[in-house]
Protein backbone atom coordinates (compact mmCIF):
# COMPACT_ATOMS: atom_id res chain seq x y z
CA MET A 1 -26.98 -2.75 15.60
CA THR A 2 -25.16 -0.87 18.34
CA SER A 3 -22.01 1.19 18.23
CA PRO A 4 -19.59 2.54 20.82
CA GLU A 5 -21.18 5.97 20.37
CA ASP A 6 -24.66 4.84 21.48
CA GLY A 7 -23.37 3.95 24.93
CA SER A 8 -24.63 0.35 24.94
CA GLY A 9 -22.51 -1.78 27.25
CA ASP A 10 -21.64 -4.61 24.88
CA ALA A 11 -20.58 -2.37 22.01
CA LEU A 12 -18.65 -0.07 24.30
CA ASP A 13 -16.86 -3.00 25.94
CA LEU A 14 -16.07 -4.45 22.52
CA TYR A 15 -14.49 -1.16 21.48
CA GLU A 16 -12.69 -0.39 24.73
CA LEU A 17 -11.42 -3.91 25.43
CA ALA A 18 -10.73 -5.05 21.87
CA ALA A 19 -7.74 -7.32 21.29
CA CYS A 20 -6.17 -4.48 19.30
CA GLY A 21 -5.57 -0.79 19.76
CA LEU A 22 -8.29 1.29 18.11
CA LEU A 23 -8.09 4.98 17.29
CA THR A 24 -9.99 7.50 15.26
CA THR A 25 -7.93 10.38 13.96
CA ALA A 26 -8.59 13.55 12.05
CA ALA A 27 -7.15 13.61 8.53
CA ASP A 28 -3.96 15.22 9.91
CA GLY A 29 -3.47 12.36 12.40
CA THR A 30 -4.82 14.14 15.49
CA ILE A 31 -6.24 11.46 17.79
CA GLN A 32 -9.94 12.05 18.41
CA ARG A 33 -10.83 8.75 20.05
CA VAL A 34 -8.72 5.92 21.50
CA ASN A 35 -9.57 2.68 23.27
CA ARG A 36 -8.24 1.37 26.58
CA THR A 37 -6.20 -1.34 24.88
CA MET A 38 -4.11 1.25 23.02
CA CYS A 39 -3.74 3.25 26.22
CA ALA A 40 -2.53 0.17 28.12
CA TRP A 41 -0.03 -0.74 25.39
CA THR A 42 1.45 2.76 25.19
CA GLY A 43 1.27 3.65 28.88
CA PHE A 44 -0.57 6.90 28.11
CA THR A 45 -4.03 7.80 29.38
CA ALA A 46 -6.77 8.60 26.89
CA ALA A 47 -6.63 12.24 28.01
CA GLU A 48 -2.91 12.34 27.18
CA LEU A 49 -3.42 10.81 23.74
CA LEU A 50 -6.44 12.86 22.69
CA GLY A 51 -5.23 15.83 20.69
CA LYS A 52 -1.81 14.26 19.97
CA ARG A 53 -1.05 13.26 16.41
CA PHE A 54 -0.70 9.52 15.81
CA GLN A 55 2.59 10.08 14.00
CA ASP A 56 3.99 11.79 17.11
CA LEU A 57 3.84 8.41 18.87
CA LEU A 58 6.20 6.87 16.30
CA THR A 59 9.97 6.40 16.17
CA MET A 60 11.86 8.66 13.76
CA GLY A 61 12.05 5.94 11.09
CA SER A 62 8.35 5.20 11.42
CA LYS A 63 7.54 8.92 11.24
CA LEU A 64 9.46 9.12 7.98
CA PHE A 65 7.62 6.10 6.58
CA HIS A 66 4.30 7.55 7.77
CA HIS A 67 5.01 10.79 5.93
CA THR A 68 6.43 9.33 2.70
CA HIS A 69 4.30 6.20 2.26
CA TRP A 70 1.37 5.95 4.69
CA MET A 71 -0.22 9.34 4.07
CA PRO A 72 0.08 9.23 0.25
CA LEU A 73 -1.35 5.68 0.14
CA LEU A 74 -4.19 6.61 2.47
CA GLN A 75 -5.03 9.62 0.31
CA MET A 76 -4.88 7.63 -2.95
CA GLN A 77 -6.46 4.34 -1.88
CA GLY A 78 -8.49 5.32 1.16
CA SER A 79 -6.81 2.63 3.26
CA VAL A 80 -3.51 1.03 4.22
CA ALA A 81 -3.00 -2.49 5.54
CA GLU A 82 -0.35 -4.39 7.50
CA VAL A 83 2.05 -1.48 7.79
CA GLN A 84 4.92 -2.20 10.18
CA LEU A 85 5.64 0.73 12.46
CA GLU A 86 7.23 1.32 15.84
CA VAL A 87 5.39 3.15 18.60
CA VAL A 88 7.33 4.81 21.41
CA ARG A 89 5.71 3.99 24.73
CA ARG A 90 5.48 6.52 27.54
CA ASP A 91 8.44 4.83 29.28
CA GLY A 92 10.56 5.18 26.12
CA ARG A 93 10.46 1.53 25.11
CA VAL A 94 9.68 0.79 21.48
CA LEU A 95 6.64 -1.33 20.63
CA PRO A 96 6.67 -2.93 17.16
CA VAL A 97 3.18 -2.87 15.66
CA LEU A 98 1.22 -3.69 12.53
CA VAL A 99 -1.29 -1.03 11.58
CA ASN A 100 -4.36 -0.99 9.37
CA ALA A 101 -6.19 2.25 8.62
CA ALA A 102 -9.19 3.30 6.55
CA ARG A 103 -10.58 6.70 5.74
CA ARG A 104 -14.17 6.84 6.92
CA GLU A 105 -16.72 7.07 4.13
CA ALA A 106 -19.80 9.28 4.33
CA LYS A 107 -22.99 7.49 5.36
CA ALA A 108 -25.83 7.21 2.87
CA GLY A 109 -27.47 10.58 2.43
CA GLU A 110 -24.60 12.50 4.03
CA ALA A 111 -22.39 14.87 2.13
CA PRO A 112 -18.81 13.58 2.12
CA ALA A 113 -16.51 15.40 4.53
CA ALA A 114 -13.76 17.47 2.97
CA ARG A 115 -11.24 15.68 5.19
CA PRO A 116 -12.91 12.57 6.63
CA PRO A 117 -11.64 10.94 9.82
CA VAL A 118 -9.44 7.86 9.72
CA ASP A 119 -10.12 4.67 11.71
CA VAL A 120 -6.93 2.91 12.80
CA ALA A 121 -6.37 -0.61 14.19
CA VAL A 122 -3.03 -1.37 15.85
CA PHE A 123 -1.72 -4.89 16.50
CA ILE A 124 1.35 -5.81 18.54
CA ALA A 125 3.99 -7.37 16.28
CA THR A 126 6.68 -8.38 18.78
CA ASP A 127 6.38 -12.12 18.05
CA ARG A 128 6.23 -11.50 14.31
CA ARG A 129 9.44 -9.46 14.41
CA LYS A 130 11.14 -12.17 16.46
CA TYR A 131 10.01 -14.81 13.96
CA GLU A 132 11.24 -12.68 11.02
CA ARG A 133 14.65 -12.22 12.68
CA GLU A 134 14.89 -15.98 13.27
CA LEU A 135 14.03 -16.63 9.62
CA LEU A 136 16.69 -14.16 8.46
CA PHE A 137 19.27 -15.76 10.75
CA ALA A 138 18.39 -19.24 9.47
CA ARG A 139 18.62 -18.04 5.86
CA ARG A 140 22.04 -16.44 6.42
CA ARG A 141 23.28 -19.58 8.14
CA ALA A 142 22.02 -21.76 5.27
CA GLU A 143 23.74 -19.46 2.74
CA GLU A 144 27.00 -19.67 4.72
CA LEU A 145 26.79 -23.46 4.83
CA LEU A 146 26.06 -23.59 1.11
CA ALA A 147 29.07 -21.37 0.38
CA SER A 148 31.28 -23.61 2.56
CA GLU A 149 29.97 -26.70 0.76
CA ARG A 150 30.75 -25.16 -2.64
CA GLN A 151 34.28 -24.26 -1.52
CA ALA A 152 34.82 -27.81 -0.27
CA GLN A 153 33.56 -29.24 -3.58
CA GLN A 154 35.83 -26.92 -5.56
CA ALA A 155 38.82 -27.85 -3.39
CA ARG A 156 38.03 -31.54 -3.86
CA ALA A 157 37.67 -31.14 -7.63
CA HIS A 158 40.95 -29.23 -7.75
CA ALA A 159 42.71 -31.91 -5.67
CA GLU A 160 41.30 -34.72 -7.84
CA ALA A 161 42.43 -32.91 -10.98
CA ARG A 162 46.02 -32.91 -9.68
CA LEU A 163 46.00 -36.67 -9.19
């Protein structure tokens, strides 16, 4: 089996051109490795991202969530899945994403690292957010219509009671 580290073309292409952003970070979030997909999505070069902390790419709200939920869950469970965050692109635009992360386990025969690296997969969630907003709008509209229907029924019952 090949890996991106062994330099084989297929594995390297799979890593670099994956349909998701891939990063490896130190335990503190410092980006140690990043694929071309993530670079293209954020507008940063790999050289610009290497050495930055992943959380520094996030909006203020996402940074807060990262600090209060992501890091504690990652430390307790060793992984986090389907976390909705917002990445700030180089041009300032916000990119909604879903993120999965797993703390890397020591290989057989290796002593576990005191602070093992974290492998992160980032997926664009623009369509999902749009769908969620449409669902919320439809739900609110249905609730409004239901409230109007109830008022009409009450008015009718009140009018019939007067007759």
